[in-house]
Amino acid sequence: MTVARKFRAPNRLSLLARAEGGMMAKDALAAADAALEPLRAESLAVLDSALAEIEGRFGRSAAATRGDGAFQDLYALALRIIDVSGFLPGSCVDQAAVSFCALVDTCSEAGAWRWEAIDVHINSLRLLRTADLNPDQRRAVIDGLNKVSQRRIEEL
């Protein structure tokens, strides 16, 4: 009778995990946060600049000329906010910008602007960026924005 022999190939990752002198996960995360810190101020400036440009070109203050703006321009500005909103964890700014992109998509498909909904998104982005809201309040803002952005123009 033949005896079965088991063969295990060495796993490099498991060897490295058991090796001494490695870095603890919490230390690696702290080092990553420290490496990102120099980018924080610049990224928040990009976010604030994009929000200011959205307000200037598509907000209520530009009511006379905002219809001239292209859907792609507003969408690109909202994407810029998403790109850098990772520096505001828990703020829900990224989720508000995603809802804004969905709204712009809806407007683009219909070939018509929904200015009231755009104004709500602009104001909400500013609120989420600057106000000291608790997590439940932030969640309520996002829930409301999602309802606004998912509404089709023909439903109005």
N, C-alpha and C. Protein backbone atom coordinates (compact mmCIF):
# COMPACT_ATOMS: atom_id res chain seq x y z
N MET A 1 0.83 -1.16 0.00
CA MET A 1 0.00 0.00 0.00
C MET A 1 0.89 1.25 0.00
N THR A 2 0.51 2.20 -0.85
CA THR A 2 1.29 3.42 -0.98
C THR A 2 0.73 4.48 -0.04
N VAL A 3 1.62 5.18 0.57
CA VAL A 3 1.23 6.25 1.49
C VAL A 3 1.24 7.57 0.72
N ALA A 4 0.17 8.34 0.87
CA ALA A 4 0.10 9.65 0.20
C ALA A 4 0.98 10.64 0.93
N ARG A 5 1.75 11.36 0.16
CA ARG A 5 2.59 12.39 0.76
C ARG A 5 2.08 13.74 0.29
N LYS A 6 2.02 14.66 1.23
CA LYS A 6 1.58 16.02 0.90
C LYS A 6 2.80 16.90 0.69
N PHE A 7 2.72 17.69 -0.32
CA PHE A 7 3.81 18.61 -0.63
C PHE A 7 3.25 20.03 -0.61
N ARG A 8 3.87 20.89 0.13
CA ARG A 8 3.45 22.29 0.17
C ARG A 8 4.58 23.16 -0.34
N ALA A 9 4.28 23.90 -1.35
CA ALA A 9 5.27 24.84 -1.87
C ALA A 9 5.37 26.02 -0.91
N PRO A 10 6.56 26.54 -0.72
CA PRO A 10 6.68 27.68 0.20
C PRO A 10 5.96 28.91 -0.38
N ASN A 11 5.27 29.59 0.49
CA ASN A 11 4.54 30.79 0.11
C ASN A 11 5.33 31.99 0.59
N ARG A 12 5.78 32.80 -0.33
CA ARG A 12 6.64 33.94 0.00
C ARG A 12 5.93 34.94 0.90
N LEU A 13 4.68 35.18 0.66
CA LEU A 13 3.94 36.15 1.46
C LEU A 13 3.83 35.69 2.91
N SER A 14 3.51 34.41 3.12
CA SER A 14 3.39 33.93 4.49
C SER A 14 4.75 33.96 5.20
N LEU A 15 5.83 33.70 4.46
CA LEU A 15 7.16 33.80 5.04
C LEU A 15 7.47 35.24 5.46
N LEU A 16 7.12 36.18 4.61
CA LEU A 16 7.35 37.58 4.93
C LEU A 16 6.50 38.04 6.11
N ALA A 17 5.29 37.54 6.19
CA ALA A 17 4.41 37.92 7.28
C ALA A 17 4.94 37.43 8.62
N ARG A 18 5.58 36.26 8.62
CA ARG A 18 6.12 35.70 9.86
C ARG A 18 7.53 36.20 10.17
N ALA A 19 8.17 36.84 9.22
CA ALA A 19 9.54 37.30 9.42
C ALA A 19 9.58 38.47 10.41
N GLU A 20 10.65 38.53 11.15
CA GLU A 20 10.81 39.61 12.12
C GLU A 20 11.30 40.86 11.41
N GLY A 21 11.02 42.00 12.04
CA GLY A 21 11.50 43.26 11.50
C GLY A 21 10.54 43.93 10.54
N GLY A 22 9.40 43.32 10.32
CA GLY A 22 8.41 43.92 9.44
C GLY A 22 7.68 45.07 10.11
N MET A 23 6.84 45.73 9.37
CA MET A 23 6.10 46.87 9.87
C MET A 23 4.69 46.43 10.27
N MET A 24 4.24 46.92 11.39
CA MET A 24 2.87 46.64 11.84
C MET A 24 1.90 47.39 10.91
N ALA A 25 0.71 46.84 10.75
CA ALA A 25 -0.29 47.44 9.86
C ALA A 25 -0.62 48.86 10.31
N LYS A 26 -0.78 49.07 11.61
CA LYS A 26 -1.13 50.42 12.09
C LYS A 26 0.00 51.40 11.79
N ASP A 27 1.25 50.93 11.84
CA ASP A 27 2.38 51.80 11.52
C ASP A 27 2.42 52.11 10.02
N ALA A 28 2.10 51.11 9.21
CA ALA A 28 2.06 51.33 7.75
C ALA A 28 0.97 52.33 7.39
N LEU A 29 -0.18 52.22 8.04
CA LEU A 29 -1.27 53.17 7.78
C LEU A 29 -0.89 54.58 8.22
N ALA A 30 -0.24 54.69 9.36
CA ALA A 30 0.20 56.00 9.84
C ALA A 30 1.23 56.60 8.88
N ALA A 31 2.13 55.78 8.36
CA ALA A 31 3.13 56.26 7.41
C ALA A 31 2.46 56.71 6.11
N ALA A 32 1.45 55.97 5.67
CA ALA A 32 0.73 56.35 4.45
C ALA A 32 0.01 57.68 4.66
N ASP A 33 -0.64 57.84 5.81
CA ASP A 33 -1.31 59.11 6.11
C ASP A 33 -0.32 60.27 6.14
N ALA A 34 0.83 60.04 6.74
CA ALA A 34 1.86 61.08 6.80
C ALA A 34 2.36 61.44 5.40
N ALA A 35 2.48 60.44 4.53
CA ALA A 35 2.95 60.70 3.17
C ALA A 35 1.92 61.48 2.36
N LEU A 36 0.64 61.30 2.69
CA LEU A 36 -0.41 62.02 1.97
C LEU A 36 -0.64 63.44 2.50
N GLU A 37 -0.20 63.69 3.71
CA GLU A 37 -0.48 64.98 4.34
C GLU A 37 -0.03 66.19 3.51
N PRO A 38 1.14 66.16 2.87
CA PRO A 38 1.53 67.32 2.06
C PRO A 38 0.57 67.60 0.89
N LEU A 39 -0.19 66.60 0.47
CA LEU A 39 -1.13 66.78 -0.64
C LEU A 39 -2.49 67.32 -0.18
N ARG A 40 -2.75 67.28 1.13
CA ARG A 40 -4.06 67.65 1.66
C ARG A 40 -4.43 69.10 1.31
N ALA A 41 -3.59 70.04 1.63
CA ALA A 41 -3.91 71.46 1.40
C ALA A 41 -4.15 71.74 -0.08
N GLU A 42 -3.28 71.20 -0.93
CA GLU A 42 -3.43 71.41 -2.37
C GLU A 42 -4.73 70.79 -2.88
N SER A 43 -5.06 69.61 -2.41
CA SER A 43 -6.28 68.93 -2.85
C SER A 43 -7.53 69.67 -2.39
N LEU A 44 -7.52 70.16 -1.16
CA LEU A 44 -8.67 70.93 -0.67
C LEU A 44 -8.81 72.24 -1.43
N ALA A 45 -7.68 72.82 -1.84
CA ALA A 45 -7.74 74.03 -2.66
C ALA A 45 -8.35 73.73 -4.03
N VAL A 46 -8.03 72.57 -4.61
CA VAL A 46 -8.62 72.16 -5.89
C VAL A 46 -10.12 71.96 -5.71
N LEU A 47 -10.53 71.34 -4.61
CA LEU A 47 -11.95 71.13 -4.34
C LEU A 47 -12.68 72.47 -4.23
N ASP A 48 -12.11 73.38 -3.43
CA ASP A 48 -12.75 74.69 -3.25
C ASP A 48 -12.79 75.48 -4.55
N SER A 49 -11.75 75.36 -5.35
CA SER A 49 -11.71 76.04 -6.64
C SER A 49 -12.78 75.50 -7.59
N ALA A 50 -12.92 74.18 -7.62
CA ALA A 50 -13.94 73.57 -8.48
C ALA A 50 -15.33 73.98 -8.03
N LEU A 51 -15.55 74.01 -6.74
CA LEU A 51 -16.85 74.41 -6.22
C LEU A 51 -17.13 75.88 -6.54
N ALA A 52 -16.12 76.73 -6.42
CA ALA A 52 -16.28 78.15 -6.76
C ALA A 52 -16.58 78.32 -8.25
N GLU A 53 -15.91 77.53 -9.09
CA GLU A 53 -16.15 77.62 -10.53
C GLU A 53 -17.57 77.15 -10.87
N ILE A 54 -18.01 76.08 -10.20
CA ILE A 54 -19.38 75.62 -10.42
C ILE A 54 -20.36 76.71 -10.03
N GLU A 55 -20.15 77.32 -8.87
CA GLU A 55 -21.04 78.39 -8.43
C GLU A 55 -21.00 79.58 -9.38
N GLY A 56 -19.80 79.93 -9.83
CA GLY A 56 -19.65 81.08 -10.72
C GLY A 56 -20.26 80.88 -12.10
N ARG A 57 -20.13 79.68 -12.64
CA ARG A 57 -20.62 79.42 -13.99
C ARG A 57 -22.03 78.86 -14.05
N PHE A 58 -22.44 78.12 -13.00
CA PHE A 58 -23.72 77.42 -13.06
C PHE A 58 -24.64 77.73 -11.89
N GLY A 59 -24.20 78.55 -10.95
CA GLY A 59 -25.00 78.87 -9.78
C GLY A 59 -26.01 79.97 -10.05
N ARG A 60 -26.76 80.30 -9.01
CA ARG A 60 -27.80 81.34 -9.13
C ARG A 60 -27.23 82.69 -9.54
N SER A 61 -26.02 82.99 -9.09
CA SER A 61 -25.42 84.29 -9.42
C SER A 61 -25.15 84.43 -10.92
N ALA A 62 -25.09 83.31 -11.61
CA ALA A 62 -24.85 83.33 -13.06
C ALA A 62 -26.12 82.98 -13.82
N ALA A 63 -27.27 83.28 -13.26
CA ALA A 63 -28.55 82.89 -13.84
C ALA A 63 -28.72 83.37 -15.28
N ALA A 64 -28.19 84.54 -15.59
CA ALA A 64 -28.36 85.10 -16.94
C ALA A 64 -27.57 84.33 -18.00
N THR A 65 -26.45 83.73 -17.62
CA THR A 65 -25.58 83.09 -18.61
C THR A 65 -25.36 81.60 -18.37
N ARG A 66 -25.91 81.06 -17.31
CA ARG A 66 -25.58 79.67 -16.99
C ARG A 66 -26.13 78.67 -18.00
N GLY A 67 -27.12 79.02 -18.75
CA GLY A 67 -27.64 78.13 -19.78
C GLY A 67 -26.66 77.92 -20.92
N ASP A 68 -25.65 78.80 -21.01
CA ASP A 68 -24.66 78.69 -22.07
C ASP A 68 -23.62 77.60 -21.78
N GLY A 69 -23.53 77.19 -20.53
CA GLY A 69 -22.53 76.19 -20.14
C GLY A 69 -22.86 74.82 -20.68
N ALA A 70 -21.85 74.06 -20.96
CA ALA A 70 -22.04 72.72 -21.50
C ALA A 70 -22.18 71.72 -20.37
N PHE A 71 -22.97 70.67 -20.62
CA PHE A 71 -23.15 69.60 -19.64
C PHE A 71 -21.80 68.99 -19.28
N GLN A 72 -20.93 68.82 -20.28
CA GLN A 72 -19.63 68.20 -20.05
C GLN A 72 -18.78 69.02 -19.09
N ASP A 73 -18.88 70.35 -19.17
CA ASP A 73 -18.09 71.21 -18.29
C ASP A 73 -18.51 71.03 -16.83
N LEU A 74 -19.82 71.01 -16.60
CA LEU A 74 -20.31 70.83 -15.23
C LEU A 74 -19.97 69.44 -14.72
N TYR A 75 -20.09 68.45 -15.57
CA TYR A 75 -19.75 67.07 -15.19
C TYR A 75 -18.27 66.97 -14.83
N ALA A 76 -17.40 67.59 -15.61
CA ALA A 76 -15.96 67.55 -15.35
C ALA A 76 -15.62 68.23 -14.03
N LEU A 77 -16.31 69.31 -13.72
CA LEU A 77 -16.08 70.00 -12.44
C LEU A 77 -16.52 69.14 -11.26
N ALA A 78 -17.64 68.46 -11.41
CA ALA A 78 -18.11 67.56 -10.35
C ALA A 78 -17.14 66.39 -10.18
N LEU A 79 -16.60 65.89 -11.28
CA LEU A 79 -15.60 64.82 -11.20
C LEU A 79 -14.34 65.28 -10.48
N ARG A 80 -13.96 66.53 -10.69
CA ARG A 80 -12.78 67.07 -10.02
C ARG A 80 -12.99 67.06 -8.50
N ILE A 81 -14.22 67.33 -8.07
CA ILE A 81 -14.53 67.29 -6.64
C ILE A 81 -14.41 65.86 -6.12
N ILE A 82 -14.92 64.91 -6.89
CA ILE A 82 -14.81 63.50 -6.49
C ILE A 82 -13.34 63.11 -6.36
N ASP A 83 -12.52 63.55 -7.30
CA ASP A 83 -11.11 63.18 -7.32
C ASP A 83 -10.37 63.53 -6.03
N VAL A 84 -10.70 64.67 -5.45
CA VAL A 84 -9.94 65.13 -4.28
C VAL A 84 -10.71 65.04 -2.97
N SER A 85 -11.93 64.56 -3.01
CA SER A 85 -12.74 64.53 -1.80
C SER A 85 -12.30 63.46 -0.80
N GLY A 86 -11.39 62.61 -1.19
CA GLY A 86 -10.87 61.61 -0.27
C GLY A 86 -10.15 62.23 0.92
N PHE A 87 -9.78 63.49 0.81
CA PHE A 87 -9.13 64.18 1.91
C PHE A 87 -10.13 64.70 2.94
N LEU A 88 -11.41 64.45 2.69
CA LEU A 88 -12.47 64.82 3.64
C LEU A 88 -13.26 63.57 4.00
N PRO A 89 -12.62 62.60 4.63
CA PRO A 89 -13.35 61.36 4.93
C PRO A 89 -14.52 61.62 5.87
N GLY A 90 -15.63 60.98 5.57
CA GLY A 90 -16.81 61.13 6.41
C GLY A 90 -17.61 62.38 6.15
N SER A 91 -17.16 63.22 5.23
CA SER A 91 -17.87 64.48 4.96
C SER A 91 -19.03 64.30 4.00
N CYS A 92 -19.05 63.22 3.26
CA CYS A 92 -20.05 62.91 2.24
C CYS A 92 -19.97 63.82 1.02
N VAL A 93 -18.91 64.61 0.92
CA VAL A 93 -18.73 65.48 -0.26
C VAL A 93 -18.62 64.63 -1.51
N ASP A 94 -17.92 63.52 -1.42
CA ASP A 94 -17.78 62.65 -2.59
C ASP A 94 -19.12 62.10 -3.04
N GLN A 95 -19.97 61.70 -2.10
CA GLN A 95 -21.28 61.16 -2.45
C GLN A 95 -22.18 62.23 -3.05
N ALA A 96 -22.07 63.46 -2.55
CA ALA A 96 -22.85 64.56 -3.11
C ALA A 96 -22.40 64.85 -4.55
N ALA A 97 -21.11 64.77 -4.80
CA ALA A 97 -20.60 65.01 -6.15
C ALA A 97 -21.02 63.88 -7.10
N VAL A 98 -21.08 62.66 -6.60
CA VAL A 98 -21.58 61.54 -7.43
C VAL A 98 -23.04 61.78 -7.79
N SER A 99 -23.83 62.22 -6.83
CA SER A 99 -25.23 62.54 -7.10
C SER A 99 -25.34 63.68 -8.11
N PHE A 100 -24.43 64.64 -8.00
CA PHE A 100 -24.40 65.76 -8.94
C PHE A 100 -24.11 65.26 -10.35
N CYS A 101 -23.16 64.34 -10.48
CA CYS A 101 -22.86 63.77 -11.79
C CYS A 101 -24.07 63.04 -12.37
N ALA A 102 -24.81 62.33 -11.52
CA ALA A 102 -26.02 61.64 -11.97
C ALA A 102 -27.05 62.64 -12.46
N LEU A 103 -27.17 63.76 -11.76
CA LEU A 103 -28.11 64.81 -12.18
C LEU A 103 -27.70 65.39 -13.53
N VAL A 104 -26.43 65.68 -13.69
CA VAL A 104 -25.96 66.23 -14.96
C VAL A 104 -26.17 65.23 -16.09
N ASP A 105 -25.97 63.95 -15.82
CA ASP A 105 -26.26 62.91 -16.82
C ASP A 105 -27.72 62.96 -17.24
N THR A 106 -28.60 63.06 -16.26
CA THR A 106 -30.03 63.11 -16.55
C THR A 106 -30.37 64.33 -17.41
N CYS A 107 -29.79 65.46 -17.04
CA CYS A 107 -30.03 66.69 -17.82
C CYS A 107 -29.49 66.56 -19.24
N SER A 108 -28.32 65.97 -19.35
CA SER A 108 -27.70 65.80 -20.66
C SER A 108 -28.55 64.89 -21.55
N GLU A 109 -29.03 63.78 -20.98
CA GLU A 109 -29.87 62.86 -21.75
C GLU A 109 -31.15 63.53 -22.23
N ALA A 110 -31.71 64.37 -21.37
CA ALA A 110 -32.96 65.05 -21.73
C ALA A 110 -32.72 66.29 -22.57
N GLY A 111 -31.49 66.76 -22.58
CA GLY A 111 -31.18 67.99 -23.32
C GLY A 111 -31.76 69.23 -22.68
N ALA A 112 -31.98 69.18 -21.37
CA ALA A 112 -32.56 70.32 -20.65
C ALA A 112 -31.96 70.40 -19.26
N TRP A 113 -31.78 71.62 -18.79
CA TRP A 113 -31.23 71.85 -17.46
C TRP A 113 -32.34 71.80 -16.42
N ARG A 114 -32.02 71.31 -15.25
CA ARG A 114 -32.91 71.35 -14.08
C ARG A 114 -32.25 72.26 -13.06
N TRP A 115 -32.44 73.56 -13.23
CA TRP A 115 -31.69 74.55 -12.46
C TRP A 115 -31.96 74.48 -10.96
N GLU A 116 -33.19 74.20 -10.57
CA GLU A 116 -33.49 74.11 -9.14
C GLU A 116 -32.70 72.96 -8.51
N ALA A 117 -32.64 71.83 -9.19
CA ALA A 117 -31.90 70.68 -8.69
C ALA A 117 -30.39 70.96 -8.67
N ILE A 118 -29.91 71.67 -9.66
CA ILE A 118 -28.49 72.03 -9.69
C ILE A 118 -28.17 72.97 -8.53
N ASP A 119 -29.05 73.94 -8.29
CA ASP A 119 -28.85 74.87 -7.16
C ASP A 119 -28.83 74.12 -5.83
N VAL A 120 -29.71 73.13 -5.69
CA VAL A 120 -29.75 72.33 -4.46
C VAL A 120 -28.42 71.59 -4.28
N HIS A 121 -27.90 71.02 -5.34
CA HIS A 121 -26.63 70.30 -5.26
C HIS A 121 -25.47 71.24 -4.93
N ILE A 122 -25.43 72.39 -5.56
CA ILE A 122 -24.36 73.35 -5.28
C ILE A 122 -24.40 73.76 -3.80
N ASN A 123 -25.59 74.10 -3.32
CA ASN A 123 -25.72 74.52 -1.91
C ASN A 123 -25.36 73.38 -0.96
N SER A 124 -25.74 72.17 -1.31
CA SER A 124 -25.44 71.02 -0.46
C SER A 124 -23.95 70.72 -0.43
N LEU A 125 -23.30 70.83 -1.57
CA LEU A 125 -21.84 70.63 -1.60
C LEU A 125 -21.15 71.65 -0.71
N ARG A 126 -21.57 72.88 -0.81
CA ARG A 126 -20.98 73.93 0.03
C ARG A 126 -21.24 73.64 1.51
N LEU A 127 -22.46 73.24 1.84
CA LEU A 127 -22.82 72.90 3.22
C LEU A 127 -21.98 71.74 3.74
N LEU A 128 -21.88 70.68 2.97
CA LEU A 128 -21.11 69.52 3.40
C LEU A 128 -19.63 69.85 3.54
N ARG A 129 -19.14 70.75 2.74
CA ARG A 129 -17.73 71.14 2.78
C ARG A 129 -17.42 72.01 3.99
N THR A 130 -18.34 72.90 4.37
CA THR A 130 -18.00 73.91 5.37
C THR A 130 -18.69 73.74 6.72
N ALA A 131 -19.84 73.11 6.76
CA ALA A 131 -20.61 73.06 8.01
C ALA A 131 -20.16 71.91 8.90
N ASP A 132 -20.40 72.10 10.18
CA ASP A 132 -20.08 71.07 11.17
C ASP A 132 -21.34 70.24 11.42
N LEU A 133 -21.59 69.29 10.52
CA LEU A 133 -22.78 68.44 10.61
C LEU A 133 -22.41 67.10 11.22
N ASN A 134 -23.36 66.51 11.92
CA ASN A 134 -23.11 65.17 12.45
C ASN A 134 -23.38 64.15 11.34
N PRO A 135 -22.95 62.91 11.52
CA PRO A 135 -23.11 61.90 10.46
C PRO A 135 -24.57 61.69 10.02
N ASP A 136 -25.51 61.76 10.94
CA ASP A 136 -26.91 61.58 10.56
C ASP A 136 -27.40 62.72 9.68
N GLN A 137 -26.97 63.93 9.98
CA GLN A 137 -27.34 65.07 9.15
C GLN A 137 -26.73 64.96 7.76
N ARG A 138 -25.49 64.54 7.71
CA ARG A 138 -24.83 64.36 6.41
C ARG A 138 -25.54 63.28 5.59
N ARG A 139 -25.91 62.19 6.23
CA ARG A 139 -26.63 61.11 5.55
C ARG A 139 -27.97 61.61 5.02
N ALA A 140 -28.66 62.45 5.79
CA ALA A 140 -29.95 63.00 5.35
C ALA A 140 -29.77 63.88 4.12
N VAL A 141 -28.70 64.66 4.09
CA VAL A 141 -28.43 65.50 2.92
C VAL A 141 -28.21 64.62 1.69
N ILE A 142 -27.41 63.57 1.83
CA ILE A 142 -27.12 62.67 0.70
C ILE A 142 -28.39 61.97 0.24
N ASP A 143 -29.20 61.51 1.17
CA ASP A 143 -30.45 60.84 0.79
C ASP A 143 -31.34 61.78 -0.02
N GLY A 144 -31.44 63.03 0.42
CA GLY A 144 -32.23 64.02 -0.32
C GLY A 144 -31.67 64.30 -1.70
N LEU A 145 -30.34 64.43 -1.80
CA LEU A 145 -29.72 64.69 -3.10
C LEU A 145 -29.94 63.52 -4.06
N ASN A 146 -29.85 62.31 -3.54
CA ASN A 146 -30.07 61.15 -4.40
C ASN A 146 -31.50 61.13 -4.95
N LYS A 147 -32.46 61.50 -4.13
CA LYS A 147 -33.85 61.58 -4.61
C LYS A 147 -33.99 62.63 -5.71
N VAL A 148 -33.33 63.76 -5.51
CA VAL A 148 -33.40 64.85 -6.49
C VAL A 148 -32.73 64.42 -7.80
N SER A 149 -31.57 63.80 -7.71
CA SER A 149 -30.82 63.47 -8.94
C SER A 149 -31.46 62.32 -9.71
N GLN A 150 -32.18 61.43 -9.03
CA GLN A 150 -32.78 60.28 -9.69
C GLN A 150 -34.12 60.62 -10.34
N ARG A 151 -34.63 61.77 -10.07
CA ARG A 151 -35.90 62.16 -10.65
C ARG A 151 -35.70 62.57 -12.10
N ARG A 152 -36.47 62.00 -12.97
CA ARG A 152 -36.38 62.28 -14.40
C ARG A 152 -37.13 63.57 -14.74
N ILE A 153 -36.72 64.21 -15.79
CA ILE A 153 -37.33 65.48 -16.18
C ILE A 153 -38.80 65.29 -16.55
N GLU A 154 -39.11 64.17 -17.18
CA GLU A 154 -40.52 63.96 -17.56
C GLU A 154 -41.43 63.72 -16.36
N GLU A 155 -40.84 63.44 -15.17
CA GLU A 155 -41.62 63.27 -13.96
C GLU A 155 -42.00 64.59 -13.31
N LEU A 156 -41.44 65.66 -13.77
CA LEU A 156 -41.71 66.99 -13.16
C LEU A 156 -43.02 67.57 -13.58
